[in-house]
Amino acid sequence: MILFLFELVATFAKFGPYASQGIACQQCHMPDRRHLASEKPIIRRSAASFPYRPFRRSFVALLIGFIWAAITGTIGAVAARFVAAPTPGGVSPANWTDLGTLKDIPDAKPTKRDVVIQQDSGWARFNSLRSVWIVRRGQSATVFSATCPHLGCTVDASANEFACPCHGSSWNLNGEKLGGPTPRALDVLESHVDSDMLKVRYQDFKQGTAEKESV
């Protein structure tokens, strides 16, 4: 469309009713180059004697302004789509992920597993790896996020407790806070057992707040 408008301007300037193509002969209105040998002298007129030149210039300027407005509007619309894009990094609506059968998870001992989740990144989705801690007790299990609620470090575990290697926060095997700068307990993830298969629904939670809040 823009290319068409430029061609329209060029055609108007070249062949329009006010285009300058030389002064016509007064006898037959042919271009003056056909009558160089004419008996009557060719009358030359100054640019000021053409009343339509200012109108032609105004029309072309207006048309060029319209073209630039169309280009600017198109660029602005594309930029607005990017500005309104979703914030990168958000986890997609959670799905259930298998963590393994209960018989393969040691009883009363922290067990670490990795899960693959989908993340939204503006205009695309990609897979990302997350870690969880499982504490099994008989036929039930609790699944904790391995992300520290303080500043997002990966939580480690010993036989009796969880600990953050970055800032010294610690929790017992129930996820309750024991000490350190962490503002809350470990984040418990939704989970259930289906035909001896432990499943988890992973979520990310806001860091540095006393209340557990999903993001």
N, C-alpha and C. Protein backbone atom coordinates (compact mmCIF):
# COMPACT_ATOMS: atom_id res chain seq x y z
N MET A 1 0.83 -1.21 0.00
CA MET A 1 0.00 0.00 0.00
C MET A 1 0.86 1.26 0.00
N ILE A 2 1.92 1.25 0.79
CA ILE A 2 2.82 2.41 0.88
C ILE A 2 3.51 2.63 -0.45
N LEU A 3 3.96 1.52 -1.10
CA LEU A 3 4.62 1.62 -2.41
C LEU A 3 3.66 2.20 -3.43
N PHE A 4 2.38 1.80 -3.36
CA PHE A 4 1.37 2.31 -4.28
C PHE A 4 1.21 3.82 -4.11
N LEU A 5 1.21 4.31 -2.87
CA LEU A 5 1.05 5.74 -2.61
C LEU A 5 2.22 6.54 -3.17
N PHE A 6 3.46 5.99 -3.03
CA PHE A 6 4.63 6.67 -3.60
C PHE A 6 4.52 6.76 -5.12
N GLU A 7 4.07 5.67 -5.76
CA GLU A 7 3.90 5.68 -7.21
C GLU A 7 2.84 6.69 -7.63
N LEU A 8 1.78 6.80 -6.80
CA LEU A 8 0.73 7.77 -7.10
C LEU A 8 1.27 9.20 -7.08
N VAL A 9 2.12 9.50 -6.09
CA VAL A 9 2.72 10.84 -6.02
C VAL A 9 3.57 11.12 -7.25
N ALA A 10 4.40 10.13 -7.64
CA ALA A 10 5.28 10.32 -8.79
C ALA A 10 4.48 10.53 -10.07
N THR A 11 3.40 9.75 -10.25
CA THR A 11 2.56 9.87 -11.45
C THR A 11 1.86 11.22 -11.49
N PHE A 12 1.37 11.67 -10.33
CA PHE A 12 0.70 12.96 -10.28
C PHE A 12 1.66 14.09 -10.64
N ALA A 13 2.88 14.02 -10.13
CA ALA A 13 3.86 15.08 -10.39
C ALA A 13 4.26 15.13 -11.85
N LYS A 14 4.24 13.93 -12.52
CA LYS A 14 4.72 13.86 -13.91
C LYS A 14 3.62 14.16 -14.93
N PHE A 15 2.42 13.61 -14.66
CA PHE A 15 1.37 13.70 -15.67
C PHE A 15 0.12 14.45 -15.20
N GLY A 16 0.16 14.96 -13.98
CA GLY A 16 -1.02 15.65 -13.45
C GLY A 16 -1.39 16.89 -14.25
N PRO A 17 -2.56 17.42 -14.04
CA PRO A 17 -3.05 18.58 -14.81
C PRO A 17 -2.22 19.82 -14.60
N TYR A 18 -1.45 19.86 -13.50
CA TYR A 18 -0.64 21.05 -13.23
C TYR A 18 0.84 20.79 -13.41
N ALA A 19 1.19 19.64 -13.99
CA ALA A 19 2.61 19.31 -14.18
C ALA A 19 3.22 20.27 -15.19
N SER A 20 4.44 20.65 -14.95
CA SER A 20 5.14 21.59 -15.83
C SER A 20 5.84 20.81 -16.93
N GLN A 21 5.44 21.02 -18.21
CA GLN A 21 6.08 20.34 -19.34
C GLN A 21 6.50 21.35 -20.40
N GLY A 22 6.75 22.53 -20.00
CA GLY A 22 7.15 23.53 -20.96
C GLY A 22 5.96 24.38 -21.38
N ILE A 23 6.19 25.50 -22.03
CA ILE A 23 5.14 26.44 -22.43
C ILE A 23 4.68 26.09 -23.82
N ALA A 24 3.38 25.91 -24.00
CA ALA A 24 2.84 25.50 -25.30
C ALA A 24 2.79 26.67 -26.26
N CYS A 25 2.83 26.31 -27.52
CA CYS A 25 2.72 27.32 -28.57
C CYS A 25 1.32 27.90 -28.57
N GLN A 26 1.17 29.17 -28.84
CA GLN A 26 -0.14 29.80 -28.82
C GLN A 26 -0.97 29.42 -30.04
N GLN A 27 -0.34 28.92 -31.14
CA GLN A 27 -1.08 28.59 -32.34
C GLN A 27 -1.73 27.22 -32.26
N CYS A 28 -0.94 26.16 -31.84
CA CYS A 28 -1.48 24.80 -31.88
C CYS A 28 -1.35 24.06 -30.57
N HIS A 29 -0.84 24.75 -29.57
CA HIS A 29 -0.74 24.18 -28.23
C HIS A 29 0.17 22.96 -28.18
N MET A 30 1.11 22.88 -29.11
CA MET A 30 2.12 21.82 -29.08
C MET A 30 3.31 22.31 -28.26
N PRO A 31 4.09 21.39 -27.70
CA PRO A 31 5.27 21.82 -26.94
C PRO A 31 6.16 22.70 -27.78
N ASP A 32 6.77 23.68 -27.15
CA ASP A 32 7.52 24.70 -27.88
C ASP A 32 8.70 24.14 -28.64
N ARG A 33 9.21 22.90 -28.28
CA ARG A 33 10.37 22.37 -29.00
C ARG A 33 10.01 21.99 -30.44
N ARG A 34 8.70 21.84 -30.72
CA ARG A 34 8.26 21.54 -32.09
C ARG A 34 8.27 22.79 -32.97
N HIS A 35 8.43 23.95 -32.41
CA HIS A 35 8.28 25.21 -33.17
C HIS A 35 9.46 26.13 -32.96
N LEU A 36 10.62 25.54 -32.96
CA LEU A 36 11.81 26.37 -32.79
C LEU A 36 11.97 27.32 -33.99
N ALA A 37 11.44 26.86 -35.15
CA ALA A 37 11.56 27.69 -36.36
C ALA A 37 10.30 28.49 -36.63
N SER A 38 9.40 28.56 -35.70
CA SER A 38 8.14 29.26 -35.90
C SER A 38 8.39 30.76 -36.13
N GLU A 39 7.50 31.34 -36.94
CA GLU A 39 7.62 32.77 -37.22
C GLU A 39 7.37 33.61 -35.96
N LYS A 40 6.42 33.14 -35.15
CA LYS A 40 6.12 33.93 -33.96
C LYS A 40 7.05 33.54 -32.83
N PRO A 41 7.53 34.46 -32.06
CA PRO A 41 8.43 34.13 -30.94
C PRO A 41 7.68 33.38 -29.84
N ILE A 42 8.42 32.48 -29.19
CA ILE A 42 7.84 31.72 -28.09
C ILE A 42 7.81 32.60 -26.84
N ILE A 43 6.66 32.61 -26.23
CA ILE A 43 6.50 33.45 -25.05
C ILE A 43 6.91 32.65 -23.82
N ARG A 44 7.91 33.11 -23.10
CA ARG A 44 8.37 32.48 -21.86
C ARG A 44 7.69 33.18 -20.68
N ARG A 45 7.22 32.41 -19.77
CA ARG A 45 6.53 32.98 -18.61
C ARG A 45 7.25 32.53 -17.34
N SER A 46 7.27 33.39 -16.39
CA SER A 46 7.95 33.10 -15.13
C SER A 46 7.11 32.12 -14.30
N ALA A 47 7.79 31.51 -13.33
CA ALA A 47 7.11 30.55 -12.45
C ALA A 47 5.99 31.21 -11.66
N ALA A 48 6.14 32.49 -11.39
CA ALA A 48 5.14 33.20 -10.61
C ALA A 48 3.82 33.35 -11.34
N SER A 49 3.84 33.17 -12.70
CA SER A 49 2.62 33.35 -13.47
C SER A 49 1.73 32.12 -13.49
N PHE A 50 2.20 31.01 -12.91
CA PHE A 50 1.39 29.79 -12.85
C PHE A 50 0.68 29.74 -11.50
N PRO A 51 -0.63 29.94 -11.49
CA PRO A 51 -1.34 30.04 -10.21
C PRO A 51 -1.51 28.70 -9.50
N TYR A 52 -1.32 27.55 -10.22
CA TYR A 52 -1.63 26.26 -9.62
C TYR A 52 -0.42 25.57 -9.00
N ARG A 53 0.78 26.12 -9.18
CA ARG A 53 1.97 25.49 -8.59
C ARG A 53 1.87 25.39 -7.07
N PRO A 54 1.49 26.43 -6.33
CA PRO A 54 1.37 26.29 -4.87
C PRO A 54 0.38 25.20 -4.47
N PHE A 55 -0.73 25.07 -5.23
CA PHE A 55 -1.70 24.03 -4.92
C PHE A 55 -1.10 22.65 -5.10
N ARG A 56 -0.33 22.47 -6.20
CA ARG A 56 0.28 21.17 -6.45
C ARG A 56 1.26 20.81 -5.36
N ARG A 57 2.08 21.77 -4.94
CA ARG A 57 3.04 21.51 -3.87
C ARG A 57 2.33 21.17 -2.57
N SER A 58 1.22 21.86 -2.29
CA SER A 58 0.47 21.58 -1.06
C SER A 58 -0.13 20.17 -1.09
N PHE A 59 -0.64 19.77 -2.26
CA PHE A 59 -1.24 18.45 -2.37
C PHE A 59 -0.21 17.36 -2.17
N VAL A 60 0.97 17.51 -2.81
CA VAL A 60 2.03 16.51 -2.67
C VAL A 60 2.51 16.44 -1.23
N ALA A 61 2.67 17.60 -0.56
CA ALA A 61 3.10 17.60 0.84
C ALA A 61 2.08 16.90 1.72
N LEU A 62 0.79 17.14 1.43
CA LEU A 62 -0.26 16.49 2.21
C LEU A 62 -0.24 14.98 2.02
N LEU A 63 -0.02 14.54 0.77
CA LEU A 63 0.02 13.11 0.48
C LEU A 63 1.22 12.44 1.14
N ILE A 64 2.37 13.11 1.11
CA ILE A 64 3.56 12.57 1.77
C ILE A 64 3.34 12.49 3.28
N GLY A 65 2.69 13.50 3.85
CA GLY A 65 2.38 13.46 5.28
C GLY A 65 1.47 12.30 5.63
N PHE A 66 0.51 12.01 4.75
CA PHE A 66 -0.38 10.87 4.98
C PHE A 66 0.40 9.56 4.96
N ILE A 67 1.35 9.44 4.02
CA ILE A 67 2.16 8.22 3.94
C ILE A 67 2.97 8.02 5.21
N TRP A 68 3.62 9.09 5.68
CA TRP A 68 4.41 8.98 6.90
C TRP A 68 3.54 8.65 8.11
N ALA A 69 2.34 9.20 8.14
CA ALA A 69 1.42 8.88 9.24
C ALA A 69 1.04 7.40 9.23
N ALA A 70 0.85 6.84 8.01
CA ALA A 70 0.52 5.43 7.91
C ALA A 70 1.68 4.56 8.38
N ILE A 71 2.92 4.95 7.99
CA ILE A 71 4.10 4.19 8.42
C ILE A 71 4.25 4.25 9.92
N THR A 72 4.11 5.46 10.50
CA THR A 72 4.25 5.63 11.95
C THR A 72 3.19 4.84 12.71
N GLY A 73 1.96 4.85 12.19
CA GLY A 73 0.89 4.11 12.84
C GLY A 73 1.14 2.61 12.85
N THR A 74 1.68 2.11 11.71
CA THR A 74 1.98 0.68 11.62
C THR A 74 3.05 0.28 12.63
N ILE A 75 4.13 1.07 12.69
CA ILE A 75 5.21 0.80 13.64
C ILE A 75 4.70 0.88 15.08
N GLY A 76 3.87 1.89 15.36
CA GLY A 76 3.32 2.04 16.71
C GLY A 76 2.45 0.86 17.12
N ALA A 77 1.67 0.33 16.17
CA ALA A 77 0.81 -0.81 16.49
C ALA A 77 1.63 -2.04 16.82
N VAL A 78 2.71 -2.26 16.04
CA VAL A 78 3.58 -3.42 16.32
C VAL A 78 4.26 -3.26 17.67
N ALA A 79 4.75 -2.04 17.97
CA ALA A 79 5.41 -1.80 19.25
C ALA A 79 4.45 -2.01 20.42
N ALA A 80 3.20 -1.60 20.23
CA ALA A 80 2.21 -1.75 21.31
C ALA A 80 1.96 -3.21 21.63
N ARG A 81 2.01 -4.08 20.61
CA ARG A 81 1.81 -5.50 20.86
C ARG A 81 2.92 -6.07 21.72
N PHE A 82 4.16 -5.60 21.48
CA PHE A 82 5.27 -6.09 22.29
C PHE A 82 5.18 -5.56 23.72
N VAL A 83 4.76 -4.30 23.87
CA VAL A 83 4.65 -3.73 25.21
C VAL A 83 3.59 -4.46 26.02
N ALA A 84 2.51 -4.86 25.34
CA ALA A 84 1.41 -5.54 26.03
C ALA A 84 1.62 -7.03 26.17
N ALA A 85 2.80 -7.52 25.78
CA ALA A 85 3.07 -8.95 25.86
C ALA A 85 3.11 -9.41 27.30
N PRO A 86 2.81 -10.67 27.55
CA PRO A 86 2.88 -11.20 28.91
C PRO A 86 4.28 -11.10 29.48
N THR A 87 4.38 -10.98 30.78
CA THR A 87 5.68 -10.91 31.44
C THR A 87 6.40 -12.24 31.33
N PRO A 88 7.66 -12.24 30.83
CA PRO A 88 8.39 -13.50 30.69
C PRO A 88 8.62 -14.17 32.03
N GLY A 89 8.69 -15.48 32.02
CA GLY A 89 9.10 -16.22 33.19
C GLY A 89 7.97 -16.85 33.97
N GLY A 90 6.71 -16.50 33.67
CA GLY A 90 5.60 -17.08 34.41
C GLY A 90 5.40 -18.54 34.06
N VAL A 91 5.10 -19.36 35.07
CA VAL A 91 4.86 -20.77 34.82
C VAL A 91 3.47 -20.93 34.23
N SER A 92 3.34 -21.75 33.20
CA SER A 92 2.05 -22.01 32.58
C SER A 92 1.13 -22.68 33.58
N PRO A 93 -0.19 -22.66 33.28
CA PRO A 93 -1.12 -23.36 34.17
C PRO A 93 -0.63 -24.78 34.45
N ALA A 94 -0.49 -25.09 35.73
CA ALA A 94 0.24 -26.29 36.13
C ALA A 94 -0.46 -27.57 35.70
N ASN A 95 0.36 -28.56 35.33
CA ASN A 95 -0.11 -29.90 35.03
C ASN A 95 0.50 -30.87 36.05
N TRP A 96 -0.11 -32.01 36.15
CA TRP A 96 0.41 -33.02 37.07
C TRP A 96 1.62 -33.70 36.46
N THR A 97 2.67 -33.86 37.27
CA THR A 97 3.91 -34.50 36.84
C THR A 97 4.22 -35.70 37.73
N ASP A 98 4.61 -36.79 37.11
CA ASP A 98 4.96 -37.99 37.88
C ASP A 98 6.32 -37.83 38.56
N LEU A 99 6.38 -38.22 39.84
CA LEU A 99 7.64 -38.18 40.59
C LEU A 99 8.19 -39.58 40.86
N GLY A 100 7.44 -40.58 40.53
CA GLY A 100 7.88 -41.96 40.78
C GLY A 100 6.92 -42.67 41.71
N THR A 101 7.08 -43.98 41.82
CA THR A 101 6.22 -44.76 42.70
C THR A 101 6.68 -44.61 44.15
N LEU A 102 5.74 -44.75 45.06
CA LEU A 102 6.07 -44.62 46.48
C LEU A 102 7.12 -45.64 46.93
N LYS A 103 7.06 -46.84 46.38
CA LYS A 103 8.01 -47.87 46.80
C LYS A 103 9.45 -47.52 46.44
N ASP A 104 9.62 -46.61 45.47
CA ASP A 104 10.98 -46.20 45.08
C ASP A 104 11.46 -44.98 45.85
N ILE A 105 10.64 -44.46 46.74
CA ILE A 105 11.01 -43.28 47.53
C ILE A 105 11.28 -43.73 48.96
N PRO A 106 12.48 -43.49 49.48
CA PRO A 106 12.81 -43.91 50.85
C PRO A 106 11.87 -43.29 51.88
N ASP A 107 11.57 -44.04 52.92
CA ASP A 107 10.67 -43.56 53.97
C ASP A 107 11.41 -42.67 54.97
N ALA A 108 10.78 -41.55 55.32
CA ALA A 108 11.29 -40.62 56.34
C ALA A 108 12.68 -40.08 56.00
N LYS A 109 12.98 -39.96 54.74
CA LYS A 109 14.28 -39.43 54.33
C LYS A 109 14.06 -38.47 53.15
N PRO A 110 14.60 -37.24 53.22
CA PRO A 110 14.41 -36.29 52.11
C PRO A 110 14.95 -36.86 50.79
N THR A 111 14.12 -36.84 49.77
CA THR A 111 14.50 -37.35 48.45
C THR A 111 14.27 -36.26 47.41
N LYS A 112 15.30 -35.98 46.65
CA LYS A 112 15.22 -34.90 45.67
C LYS A 112 14.86 -35.45 44.29
N ARG A 113 13.94 -34.78 43.63
CA ARG A 113 13.56 -35.14 42.26
C ARG A 113 13.46 -33.86 41.42
N ASP A 114 13.66 -34.03 40.11
CA ASP A 114 13.52 -32.92 39.17
C ASP A 114 12.23 -33.06 38.37
N VAL A 115 11.62 -31.94 38.09
CA VAL A 115 10.40 -31.94 37.26
C VAL A 115 10.59 -30.95 36.12
N VAL A 116 9.97 -31.26 35.00
CA VAL A 116 10.02 -30.38 33.83
C VAL A 116 8.70 -29.63 33.75
N ILE A 117 8.78 -28.31 33.73
CA ILE A 117 7.56 -27.50 33.66
C ILE A 117 7.64 -26.58 32.44
N GLN A 118 6.48 -26.07 32.02
CA GLN A 118 6.42 -25.13 30.91
C GLN A 118 6.36 -23.71 31.44
N GLN A 119 7.11 -22.82 30.77
CA GLN A 119 7.09 -21.41 31.15
C GLN A 119 6.69 -20.56 29.97
N ASP A 120 5.92 -19.49 30.26
CA ASP A 120 5.56 -18.52 29.23
C ASP A 120 6.65 -17.47 29.15
N SER A 121 7.08 -17.19 27.91
CA SER A 121 8.11 -16.17 27.71
C SER A 121 7.63 -15.17 26.66
N GLY A 122 6.62 -14.40 27.02
CA GLY A 122 6.10 -13.41 26.09
C GLY A 122 5.29 -14.06 24.99
N TRP A 123 5.97 -14.39 23.84
CA TRP A 123 5.29 -14.94 22.69
C TRP A 123 5.55 -16.43 22.52
N ALA A 124 6.26 -17.05 23.44
CA ALA A 124 6.59 -18.46 23.27
C ALA A 124 6.55 -19.18 24.61
N ARG A 125 6.55 -20.51 24.54
CA ARG A 125 6.64 -21.34 25.73
C ARG A 125 7.86 -22.24 25.61
N PHE A 126 8.52 -22.47 26.72
CA PHE A 126 9.67 -23.35 26.71
C PHE A 126 9.68 -24.17 27.98
N ASN A 127 10.40 -25.29 27.93
CA ASN A 127 10.49 -26.18 29.08
C ASN A 127 11.62 -25.74 30.00
N SER A 128 11.38 -25.88 31.30
CA SER A 128 12.38 -25.51 32.29
C SER A 128 12.42 -26.58 33.37
N LEU A 129 13.60 -26.76 33.96
CA LEU A 129 13.79 -27.79 34.99
C LEU A 129 13.67 -27.18 36.38
N ARG A 130 12.89 -27.81 37.25
CA ARG A 130 12.75 -27.40 38.64
C ARG A 130 13.03 -28.60 39.55
N SER A 131 13.41 -28.32 40.78
CA SER A 131 13.69 -29.38 41.75
C SER A 131 12.69 -29.35 42.89
N VAL A 132 12.39 -30.53 43.43
CA VAL A 132 11.49 -30.65 44.58
C VAL A 132 12.11 -31.62 45.58
N TRP A 133 11.68 -31.48 46.83
CA TRP A 133 12.06 -32.42 47.88
C TRP A 133 10.83 -33.20 48.33
N ILE A 134 11.00 -34.51 48.48
CA ILE A 134 9.90 -35.39 48.91
C ILE A 134 10.25 -35.98 50.27
N VAL A 135 9.29 -35.92 51.17
CA VAL A 135 9.43 -36.60 52.45
C VAL A 135 8.27 -37.60 52.55
N ARG A 136 8.60 -38.86 52.43
CA ARG A 136 7.56 -39.90 52.48
C ARG A 136 7.39 -40.39 53.91
N ARG A 137 6.13 -40.62 54.26
CA ARG A 137 5.80 -41.22 55.55
C ARG A 137 4.72 -42.29 55.31
N GLY A 138 5.17 -43.51 55.21
CA GLY A 138 4.25 -44.61 54.93
C GLY A 138 3.66 -44.50 53.54
N GLN A 139 2.34 -44.47 53.45
CA GLN A 139 1.65 -44.41 52.17
C GLN A 139 1.29 -42.98 51.74
N SER A 140 1.84 -42.02 52.40
CA SER A 140 1.63 -40.62 52.01
C SER A 140 2.97 -39.93 51.86
N ALA A 141 2.96 -38.79 51.24
CA ALA A 141 4.21 -38.04 51.04
C ALA A 141 3.91 -36.55 50.95
N THR A 142 4.86 -35.75 51.39
CA THR A 142 4.78 -34.30 51.27
C THR A 142 5.85 -33.85 50.28
N VAL A 143 5.47 -32.99 49.36
CA VAL A 143 6.41 -32.50 48.34
C VAL A 143 6.64 -31.01 48.57
N PHE A 144 7.92 -30.64 48.74
CA PHE A 144 8.30 -29.24 48.95
C PHE A 144 9.01 -28.69 47.71
N SER A 145 8.81 -27.42 47.44
CA SER A 145 9.61 -26.76 46.42
C SER A 145 11.04 -26.63 46.95
N ALA A 146 12.03 -26.89 46.08
CA ALA A 146 13.42 -26.77 46.47
C ALA A 146 13.94 -25.34 46.31
N THR A 147 13.05 -24.41 46.01
CA THR A 147 13.42 -23.00 45.87
C THR A 147 13.25 -22.30 47.22
N CYS A 148 14.30 -21.68 47.71
CA CYS A 148 14.24 -21.00 49.00
C CYS A 148 13.29 -19.81 48.95
N PRO A 149 12.38 -19.69 49.91
CA PRO A 149 11.43 -18.56 49.93
C PRO A 149 12.10 -17.21 50.17
N HIS A 150 13.37 -17.23 50.57
CA HIS A 150 14.07 -15.98 50.86
C HIS A 150 14.45 -15.26 49.57
N LEU A 151 15.43 -15.82 48.84
CA LEU A 151 15.90 -15.17 47.61
C LEU A 151 16.02 -16.14 46.43
N GLY A 152 15.44 -17.33 46.55
CA GLY A 152 15.38 -18.22 45.41
C GLY A 152 16.54 -19.18 45.22
N CYS A 153 17.42 -19.31 46.21
CA CYS A 153 18.50 -20.30 46.12
C CYS A 153 17.91 -21.71 46.16
N THR A 154 18.70 -22.70 45.74
CA THR A 154 18.25 -24.09 45.80
C THR A 154 18.55 -24.67 47.17
N VAL A 155 17.50 -25.18 47.80
CA VAL A 155 17.62 -25.71 49.16
C VAL A 155 18.26 -27.09 49.15
N ASP A 156 19.19 -27.33 50.07
CA ASP A 156 19.80 -28.65 50.27
C ASP A 156 19.11 -29.35 51.44
N ALA A 157 19.48 -30.62 51.65
CA ALA A 157 18.88 -31.38 52.76
C ALA A 157 19.92 -32.30 53.39
N SER A 158 19.73 -32.52 54.68
CA SER A 158 20.51 -33.53 55.41
C SER A 158 19.52 -34.57 55.92
N ALA A 159 19.97 -35.45 56.78
CA ALA A 159 19.07 -36.50 57.29
C ALA A 159 17.97 -35.94 58.16
N ASN A 160 18.21 -34.78 58.78
CA ASN A 160 17.25 -34.26 59.77
C ASN A 160 16.63 -32.92 59.42
N GLU A 161 17.14 -32.23 58.42
CA GLU A 161 16.62 -30.90 58.14
C GLU A 161 16.95 -30.47 56.72
N PHE A 162 16.30 -29.37 56.32
CA PHE A 162 16.60 -28.68 55.05
C PHE A 162 17.40 -27.43 55.39
N ALA A 163 18.27 -27.03 54.46
CA ALA A 163 19.09 -25.84 54.70
C ALA A 163 19.38 -25.12 53.39
N CYS A 164 19.44 -23.79 53.48
CA CYS A 164 19.82 -22.97 52.32
C CYS A 164 21.32 -22.71 52.38
N PRO A 165 22.09 -23.10 51.36
CA PRO A 165 23.54 -22.91 51.40
C PRO A 165 23.98 -21.45 51.18
N CYS A 166 23.05 -20.61 50.75
CA CYS A 166 23.42 -19.22 50.44
C CYS A 166 23.40 -18.31 51.67
N HIS A 167 22.32 -18.38 52.46
CA HIS A 167 22.15 -17.41 53.54
C HIS A 167 21.86 -18.04 54.90
N GLY A 168 21.93 -19.37 54.98
CA GLY A 168 21.86 -20.02 56.28
C GLY A 168 20.48 -20.30 56.83
N SER A 169 19.43 -20.16 56.03
CA SER A 169 18.10 -20.50 56.52
C SER A 169 17.98 -22.02 56.69
N SER A 170 17.13 -22.46 57.60
CA SER A 170 16.97 -23.90 57.83
C SER A 170 15.53 -24.22 58.20
N TRP A 171 15.12 -25.46 57.93
CA TRP A 171 13.77 -25.94 58.19
C TRP A 171 13.84 -27.39 58.65
N ASN A 172 12.87 -27.82 59.42
CA ASN A 172 12.84 -29.24 59.79
C ASN A 172 12.21 -30.05 58.65
N LEU A 173 12.07 -31.36 58.82
CA LEU A 173 11.55 -32.21 57.75
C LEU A 173 10.06 -32.00 57.49
N ASN A 174 9.40 -31.25 58.35
CA ASN A 174 8.00 -30.86 58.10
C ASN A 174 7.92 -29.54 57.33
N GLY A 175 9.10 -28.96 57.04
CA GLY A 175 9.14 -27.71 56.31
C GLY A 175 9.02 -26.48 57.17
N GLU A 176 8.97 -26.65 58.49
CA GLU A 176 8.82 -25.52 59.40
C GLU A 176 10.14 -24.79 59.59
N LYS A 177 10.07 -23.49 59.67
CA LYS A 177 11.28 -22.67 59.80
C LYS A 177 11.97 -22.91 61.14
N LEU A 178 13.31 -23.09 61.05
CA LEU A 178 14.13 -23.24 62.25
C LEU A 178 14.97 -22.00 62.53
N GLY A 179 15.42 -21.35 61.48
CA GLY A 179 16.26 -20.17 61.66
C GLY A 179 16.68 -19.57 60.32
N GLY A 180 17.40 -18.44 60.41
CA GLY A 180 17.88 -17.78 59.20
C GLY A 180 16.93 -16.69 58.72
N PRO A 181 17.29 -16.02 57.61
CA PRO A 181 16.50 -14.88 57.12
C PRO A 181 15.24 -15.25 56.34
N THR A 182 15.01 -16.54 56.10
CA THR A 182 13.81 -16.90 55.34
C THR A 182 12.55 -16.35 55.99
N PRO A 183 11.63 -15.77 55.23
CA PRO A 183 10.45 -15.16 55.84
C PRO A 183 9.33 -16.15 56.17
N ARG A 184 9.45 -17.41 55.70
CA ARG A 184 8.37 -18.37 55.93
C ARG A 184 8.88 -19.80 55.83
N ALA A 185 7.95 -20.73 56.02
CA ALA A 185 8.27 -22.15 55.90
C ALA A 185 8.54 -22.51 54.45
N LEU A 186 9.03 -23.72 54.22
CA LEU A 186 9.20 -24.19 52.84
C LEU A 186 7.83 -24.26 52.16
N ASP A 187 7.81 -24.01 50.88
CA ASP A 187 6.56 -24.01 50.14
C ASP A 187 6.15 -25.44 49.79
N VAL A 188 4.98 -25.83 50.28
CA VAL A 188 4.45 -27.17 50.01
C VAL A 188 3.71 -27.15 48.68
N LEU A 189 3.98 -28.14 47.82
CA LEU A 189 3.33 -28.25 46.52
C LEU A 189 2.16 -29.22 46.61
N GLU A 190 1.17 -28.98 45.78
CA GLU A 190 0.02 -29.88 45.73
C GLU A 190 0.45 -31.22 45.14
N SER A 191 0.07 -32.30 45.80
CA SER A 191 0.46 -33.63 45.33
C SER A 191 -0.58 -34.66 45.74
N HIS A 192 -0.54 -35.81 45.07
CA HIS A 192 -1.40 -36.92 45.45
C HIS A 192 -0.82 -38.21 44.89
N VAL A 193 -1.30 -39.34 45.43
CA VAL A 193 -0.84 -40.66 44.99
C VAL A 193 -1.94 -41.30 44.16
N ASP A 194 -1.58 -41.74 42.97
CA ASP A 194 -2.53 -42.39 42.06
C ASP A 194 -1.96 -43.73 41.62
N SER A 195 -2.54 -44.84 42.13
CA SER A 195 -2.05 -46.20 41.82
C SER A 195 -0.56 -46.32 42.14
N ASP A 196 -0.20 -45.90 43.32
CA ASP A 196 1.16 -45.94 43.85
C ASP A 196 2.11 -44.95 43.15
N MET A 197 1.60 -44.17 42.20
CA MET A 197 2.42 -43.16 41.53
C MET A 197 2.21 -41.81 42.21
N LEU A 198 3.31 -41.22 42.69
CA LEU A 198 3.24 -39.89 43.31
C LEU A 198 3.27 -38.82 42.23
N LYS A 199 2.28 -37.94 42.26
CA LYS A 199 2.17 -36.87 41.26
C LYS A 199 2.22 -35.52 41.96
N VAL A 200 2.78 -34.53 41.28
CA VAL A 200 2.89 -33.19 41.85
C VAL A 200 2.43 -32.17 40.83
N ARG A 201 1.86 -31.10 41.33
CA ARG A 201 1.50 -29.96 40.48
C ARG A 201 2.42 -28.81 40.90
N TYR A 202 3.40 -28.52 40.03
CA TYR A 202 4.43 -27.54 40.41
C TYR A 202 3.92 -26.11 40.23
N GLN A 203 4.37 -25.24 41.15
CA GLN A 203 4.11 -23.81 41.07
C GLN A 203 5.32 -23.04 41.56
N ASP A 204 5.50 -21.83 41.03
CA ASP A 204 6.48 -20.90 41.59
C ASP A 204 5.76 -19.97 42.56
N PHE A 205 6.49 -19.54 43.60
CA PHE A 205 5.90 -18.66 44.61
C PHE A 205 6.76 -17.41 44.77
N LYS A 206 6.11 -16.34 45.17
CA LYS A 206 6.81 -15.07 45.36
C LYS A 206 7.82 -15.20 46.49
N GLN A 207 9.00 -14.64 46.27
CA GLN A 207 10.08 -14.72 47.26
C GLN A 207 10.11 -13.47 48.14
N GLY A 208 10.63 -13.67 49.37
CA GLY A 208 10.84 -12.54 50.27
C GLY A 208 9.61 -12.05 50.98
N THR A 209 8.51 -12.80 50.97
CA THR A 209 7.29 -12.39 51.65
C THR A 209 6.91 -13.42 52.71
N ALA A 210 6.24 -12.96 53.75
CA ALA A 210 5.85 -13.86 54.83
C ALA A 210 4.70 -14.78 54.41
N GLU A 211 3.87 -14.30 53.49
CA GLU A 211 2.74 -15.09 53.01
C GLU A 211 3.12 -15.83 51.74
N LYS A 212 2.64 -17.05 51.62
CA LYS A 212 2.86 -17.85 50.41
C LYS A 212 1.92 -17.37 49.32
N GLU A 213 2.49 -16.93 48.21
CA GLU A 213 1.69 -16.37 47.13
C GLU A 213 2.26 -16.86 45.79
N SER A 214 1.41 -17.51 45.00
CA SER A 214 1.86 -18.06 43.71
C SER A 214 2.09 -16.94 42.71
N VAL A 215 2.97 -17.19 41.76
CA VAL A 215 3.26 -16.21 40.70
C VAL A 215 3.08 -16.86 39.34
